[in-house]
Every structure is written in C-alpha cells, then in structure tokens.
Amino acid sequence: MSVLVVSGTGTDVGKTVVTAAVAAVAAARGERVAVLKPAQTGVAPGEPGDLAAVARLTGGAVRTRELARYPDPLAPLTAARRAGLDPVTPRAAVAAARELERDHDLVLVEGAGGLLVRFTPEGTLVDVAAGLGAAVLVVAAAGLGTLNHTELTTRALRAAGVACAGIVVGAMPAAPDLATTCNLADLPEVTGVPLVGALPEGAGALDAQAFAPVARHSLGPRLGGEWHTPEP
C-alpha cells in the first residue's frame, strides 16, 4: 500500500480527517508519509486549506504537497475555468505521486469532492488511481442516504477496474440515530466492500496529541488501527 487514493462519496463527508487519520497511524509506526492534494478549491492564496488541516492533525509528521489552488468552492475543472487557470491533469497528479513515492513509505492522494468530480473535461480521480495502480479508500457519510451514494461510488470503481481499499465513515455521531446504526451493517452488504473504520464526529477539531489515539482506535487493521465494527 505505498500509494492510497482517498475519495469521498460527496463533499463534507470527512475525507480530509480520514486522510489525516491514516497518515497519523502510519507515521506513528515510523513510516515516512506524504499527502498529495492535486487540486484545492474554495481557498484563496495564503489561506489554510485541507493540507494545513492534515499537518495540524498529524503534528507536522507528514510531508504535504498541493499542485493547484482555485478560489471558488467548485469542482476543480469549473473552478479552474472561472479563475482563468490551467486545470490539474490526472497525468500531473500521477507524476507528483510517483515523485513522492520515491522518498516515502506511504503516499496518500486526497481527491476533491466525490470520485467522478472533473479535474479536466475527460479526467477524474478514477484516472489518477488507475494511472497509479492504486486502490481507493472511500469516505462515506454516516446517515440516511449514504447507502445509495456509497454503492454508486463503489460500482464506479468496479466498472473502471480500480480496487477499493474499503469504506470509512468520516464523521460518526456520538448518539447515532436508527439509520446511522443500521448503515454500519448495511454498507458492506450493499457495496460488497468492507467497512474498515469510522471517525467520530468532531475529530477534526482535536489537536495532534488528542487526535493520534482517536485515529488509531477509529481505523481497522487494514489501515493499521484497532477499530472493530460495532453491533447495530
């Protein structure tokens, strides 16, 4: 697992926090970890973006690299067009990940929004994963509606011949409702993909010292952690 691509089933599902958790667990094992963000949208120059959150949550234990930044909170291709800037191509993302891979044990590539959000008119995160021969870790929402979104995402990966490394719930509420509780059992059943972790809601607000044990306990053995699926 030298390169792992992280995608969400949509926006605001906890993708950056999950990326930070995987990075923190790997770094705690002594691995050299890098996190690549091919396209950051919705953040002005000089403002902290997703990689700043990763750096804060991991205590600066990982290397980060961002290829392009667009100020409008839109899909990368649309944001690039509105800013009059060149889009990031999947080929450029693959090349950057390969460069980081030479000096790191694990490279995490964090997408923007969902799996099929466009980087270029023809290119998506699927093309990045395929170009790298890497599996995709899918970050899903916890509540009602997530079964459909997650199954669509895993079906798209399967259709493209790209492996799925598992599903992680990005923000698990402390007091889950009925739908959320049932989803823990239903997600692997409807997708055919194992549920390999669940980060607690609010984990992204922790400091690095508090985040480290949360990351370890929230990810399952496949990702180097200790998590086990709760009974619904």
Protein backbone atom coordinates (compact mmCIF):
# COMPACT_ATOMS: atom_id res chain seq x y z
CA MET A 1 0.00 0.00 0.00
CA SER A 2 2.66 2.52 -0.97
CA VAL A 3 0.08 4.76 -2.67
CA LEU A 4 -3.52 5.05 -1.50
CA VAL A 5 -6.11 7.34 -3.06
CA VAL A 6 -8.76 8.81 -0.75
CA SER A 7 -12.12 9.84 -2.17
CA GLY A 8 -15.46 10.78 -0.72
CA THR A 9 -18.98 9.89 -1.71
CA GLY A 10 -19.51 13.67 -1.93
CA THR A 11 -18.42 16.88 -0.26
CA ASP A 12 -18.13 17.40 3.50
CA VAL A 13 -18.09 13.72 4.42
CA GLY A 14 -14.83 13.86 6.41
CA LYS A 15 -12.35 12.99 3.69
CA THR A 16 -9.55 15.24 4.99
CA VAL A 17 -9.91 13.99 8.57
CA VAL A 18 -9.77 10.38 7.38
CA THR A 19 -6.71 11.17 5.28
CA ALA A 20 -5.08 12.69 8.36
CA ALA A 21 -6.02 9.66 10.45
CA VAL A 22 -4.44 7.19 8.01
CA ALA A 23 -1.36 9.42 7.83
CA ALA A 24 -1.12 9.73 11.62
CA VAL A 25 -1.36 5.97 12.18
CA ALA A 26 1.28 5.26 9.54
CA ALA A 27 3.61 7.97 10.85
CA ALA A 28 3.27 6.61 14.39
CA ARG A 29 4.54 3.27 13.05
CA GLY A 30 7.65 5.06 11.85
CA GLU A 31 6.66 5.27 8.19
CA ARG A 32 7.60 8.23 6.02
CA VAL A 33 4.27 9.62 4.87
CA ALA A 34 3.35 12.18 2.23
CA VAL A 35 -0.09 13.60 1.43
CA LEU A 36 -0.77 14.95 -2.05
CA LYS A 37 -3.71 17.24 -2.82
CA PRO A 38 -3.83 17.65 -6.61
CA ALA A 39 -6.47 20.40 -6.58
CA GLN A 40 -7.60 22.55 -3.67
CA THR A 41 -10.73 24.57 -4.30
CA GLY A 42 -12.60 27.16 -2.28
CA VAL A 43 -9.47 28.57 -0.64
CA ALA A 44 -7.74 31.83 -1.52
CA PRO A 45 -3.94 32.10 -1.86
CA GLY A 46 -2.31 32.21 1.55
CA GLU A 47 -5.30 30.72 3.37
CA PRO A 48 -5.04 27.33 5.08
CA GLY A 49 -6.54 24.52 3.04
CA ASP A 50 -7.03 20.79 3.54
CA LEU A 51 -3.31 20.11 3.78
CA ALA A 52 -2.98 22.60 6.63
CA ALA A 53 -5.58 20.55 8.50
CA VAL A 54 -3.64 17.36 7.79
CA ALA A 55 -0.42 18.96 9.02
CA ARG A 56 -2.12 20.21 12.20
CA LEU A 57 -3.78 16.88 13.00
CA THR A 58 -0.59 14.90 12.42
CA GLY A 59 1.63 17.34 14.31
CA GLY A 60 3.62 18.06 11.16
CA ALA A 61 4.77 14.44 10.95
CA VAL A 62 3.95 14.14 7.26
CA ARG A 63 5.03 15.91 4.11
CA THR A 64 2.32 17.69 2.16
CA ARG A 65 2.14 18.89 -1.42
CA GLU A 66 -0.56 20.81 -3.30
CA LEU A 67 -0.44 21.07 -7.08
CA ALA A 68 -3.01 23.79 -7.74
CA ARG A 69 -5.41 26.07 -5.88
CA TYR A 70 -8.56 27.72 -7.12
CA PRO A 71 -10.51 30.25 -5.03
CA ASP A 72 -14.09 29.30 -5.93
CA PRO A 73 -15.69 26.42 -3.95
CA LEU A 74 -16.50 24.42 -7.07
CA ALA A 75 -15.39 21.27 -8.86
CA PRO A 76 -11.71 21.63 -9.87
CA LEU A 77 -12.36 21.98 -13.60
CA THR A 78 -15.11 24.58 -13.14
CA ALA A 79 -13.04 26.46 -10.55
CA ALA A 80 -10.01 26.47 -12.84
CA ARG A 81 -12.04 27.84 -15.73
CA ARG A 82 -13.54 30.60 -13.60
CA ALA A 83 -10.10 31.59 -12.31
CA GLY A 84 -8.58 31.55 -15.79
CA LEU A 85 -6.02 28.98 -14.65
CA ASP A 86 -4.86 25.70 -16.09
CA PRO A 87 -6.58 22.60 -14.69
CA VAL A 88 -4.64 19.87 -12.96
CA THR A 89 -4.47 16.82 -15.19
CA PRO A 90 -4.61 13.25 -13.86
CA ARG A 91 -1.24 12.74 -15.54
CA ALA A 92 0.29 15.55 -13.45
CA ALA A 93 -1.20 14.08 -10.29
CA VAL A 94 0.20 10.65 -11.11
CA ALA A 95 3.65 12.12 -11.78
CA ALA A 96 3.63 14.03 -8.48
CA ALA A 97 2.58 10.94 -6.53
CA ARG A 98 5.32 8.88 -8.17
CA GLU A 99 7.88 11.53 -7.26
CA LEU A 100 6.77 11.48 -3.63
CA GLU A 101 6.75 7.70 -3.61
CA ARG A 102 10.50 7.62 -4.21
CA ASP A 103 11.20 9.08 -0.76
CA HIS A 104 8.18 7.92 1.26
CA ASP A 105 6.75 4.64 2.50
CA LEU A 106 3.16 5.79 2.02
CA VAL A 107 1.69 8.42 -0.28
CA LEU A 108 -1.93 9.45 0.24
CA VAL A 109 -3.65 11.23 -2.64
CA GLU A 110 -6.70 13.16 -1.48
CA GLY A 111 -9.30 13.95 -4.11
CA ALA A 112 -11.74 16.84 -4.29
CA GLY A 113 -15.38 16.11 -3.55
CA GLY A 114 -16.63 12.83 -4.99
CA LEU A 115 -14.97 10.23 -7.15
CA LEU A 116 -16.18 11.49 -10.54
CA VAL A 117 -15.63 15.22 -9.99
CA ARG A 118 -13.75 16.52 -13.02
CA PHE A 119 -10.13 17.66 -12.99
CA THR A 120 -10.20 18.06 -16.78
CA PRO A 121 -13.02 17.56 -19.30
CA GLU A 122 -12.16 13.86 -19.51
CA GLY A 123 -10.22 13.24 -16.30
CA THR A 124 -11.35 12.29 -12.79
CA LEU A 125 -9.83 10.80 -9.66
CA VAL A 126 -10.53 7.38 -11.13
CA ASP A 127 -7.95 8.14 -13.81
CA VAL A 128 -5.43 9.12 -11.14
CA ALA A 129 -5.97 5.87 -9.25
CA ALA A 130 -5.82 3.82 -12.46
CA GLY A 131 -2.63 5.57 -13.55
CA LEU A 132 -1.03 4.78 -10.21
CA GLY A 133 -2.40 1.25 -10.00
CA ALA A 134 -3.62 2.30 -6.55
CA ALA A 135 -6.67 1.33 -4.54
CA VAL A 136 -9.22 3.92 -3.45
CA LEU A 137 -10.37 4.34 0.14
CA VAL A 138 -13.97 5.59 0.10
CA VAL A 139 -15.07 8.00 2.82
CA ALA A 140 -18.81 7.92 3.37
CA ALA A 141 -21.36 9.89 5.34
CA ALA A 142 -22.96 8.17 8.32
CA GLY A 143 -26.66 8.87 7.96
CA LEU A 144 -29.65 8.47 5.72
CA GLY A 145 -28.79 8.47 2.00
CA THR A 146 -25.30 7.11 2.36
CA LEU A 147 -26.18 3.63 1.09
CA ASN A 148 -27.07 4.93 -2.35
CA HIS A 149 -24.12 7.32 -2.61
CA THR A 150 -21.63 4.72 -1.42
CA GLU A 151 -22.92 1.95 -3.66
CA LEU A 152 -22.77 4.26 -6.68
CA THR A 153 -19.17 5.15 -5.81
CA THR A 154 -18.04 1.55 -5.37
CA ARG A 155 -19.84 0.50 -8.56
CA ALA A 156 -17.98 3.22 -10.47
CA LEU A 157 -14.67 1.91 -9.13
CA ARG A 158 -15.58 -1.65 -10.05
CA ALA A 159 -16.61 -0.63 -13.55
CA ALA A 160 -13.26 1.12 -14.03
CA GLY A 161 -11.30 -1.87 -12.77
CA VAL A 162 -9.96 0.08 -9.78
CA ALA A 163 -9.69 -1.67 -6.42
CA CYS A 164 -11.50 -0.33 -3.37
CA ALA A 165 -9.48 -0.45 -0.16
CA GLY A 166 -12.60 -0.21 1.98
CA ILE A 167 -15.13 2.24 3.35
CA VAL A 168 -14.60 4.59 6.28
CA VAL A 169 -17.40 6.59 7.87
CA GLY A 170 -15.98 10.08 8.06
CA ALA A 171 -18.00 11.51 10.94
CA MET A 172 -19.81 9.10 13.24
CA PRO A 173 -22.13 10.88 15.67
CA ALA A 174 -21.81 10.13 19.37
CA ALA A 175 -25.54 9.34 19.53
CA PRO A 176 -26.34 7.72 16.17
CA ASP A 177 -29.94 7.53 15.01
CA LEU A 178 -31.56 4.36 13.68
CA ALA A 179 -30.50 4.90 10.06
CA THR A 180 -26.90 5.55 11.04
CA THR A 181 -26.75 2.48 13.25
CA CYS A 182 -28.24 0.26 10.55
CA ASN A 183 -25.85 1.68 7.95
CA LEU A 184 -22.88 0.13 9.75
CA ALA A 185 -24.20 -3.29 8.81
CA ASP A 186 -25.80 -2.32 5.52
CA LEU A 187 -22.85 -0.52 3.91
CA PRO A 188 -20.69 -3.62 3.42
CA GLU A 189 -23.74 -5.66 2.45
CA VAL A 190 -24.92 -3.39 -0.36
CA THR A 191 -21.46 -2.49 -1.68
CA GLY A 192 -19.58 -5.76 -1.23
CA VAL A 193 -16.78 -3.68 0.29
CA PRO A 194 -15.67 -3.95 3.93
CA LEU A 195 -16.25 -1.17 6.41
CA VAL A 196 -12.74 -0.52 7.72
CA GLY A 197 -13.25 2.34 10.15
CA ALA A 198 -15.33 5.19 11.50
CA LEU A 199 -14.00 8.53 12.72
CA PRO A 200 -16.01 10.22 15.47
CA GLU A 201 -17.79 13.43 14.63
CA GLY A 202 -15.68 16.41 15.68
CA ALA A 203 -12.34 14.60 15.42
CA GLY A 204 -11.05 17.28 13.06
CA ALA A 205 -11.21 19.86 15.84
CA LEU A 206 -8.74 17.97 18.06
CA ASP A 207 -5.09 18.83 18.44
CA ALA A 208 -2.44 16.40 17.25
CA GLN A 209 -1.85 14.84 20.65
CA ALA A 210 -5.54 14.06 21.17
CA PHE A 211 -6.08 13.07 17.54
CA ALA A 212 -3.40 10.34 17.47
CA PRO A 213 -5.21 7.83 19.73
CA VAL A 214 -8.56 8.65 18.11
CA ALA A 215 -7.08 7.87 14.70
CA ARG A 216 -5.60 4.61 15.94
CA HIS A 217 -8.84 3.41 17.53
CA SER A 218 -11.03 4.58 14.64
CA LEU A 219 -9.32 2.66 11.84
CA GLY A 220 -9.35 -1.09 11.43
CA PRO A 221 -6.42 -3.50 10.98
CA ARG A 222 -6.37 -2.99 7.20
CA LEU A 223 -5.31 0.60 7.83
CA GLY A 224 -3.06 -0.17 10.76
CA GLY A 225 -5.52 0.65 13.53
CA GLU A 226 -7.64 -1.21 16.06
CA TRP A 227 -11.27 -0.46 15.16
CA HIS A 228 -13.93 -3.16 15.07
CA THR A 229 -17.42 -2.89 13.60
CA PRO A 230 -19.94 -2.07 16.36
CA GLU A 231 -23.05 -4.19 16.53
CA PRO A 232 -26.07 -2.33 15.10
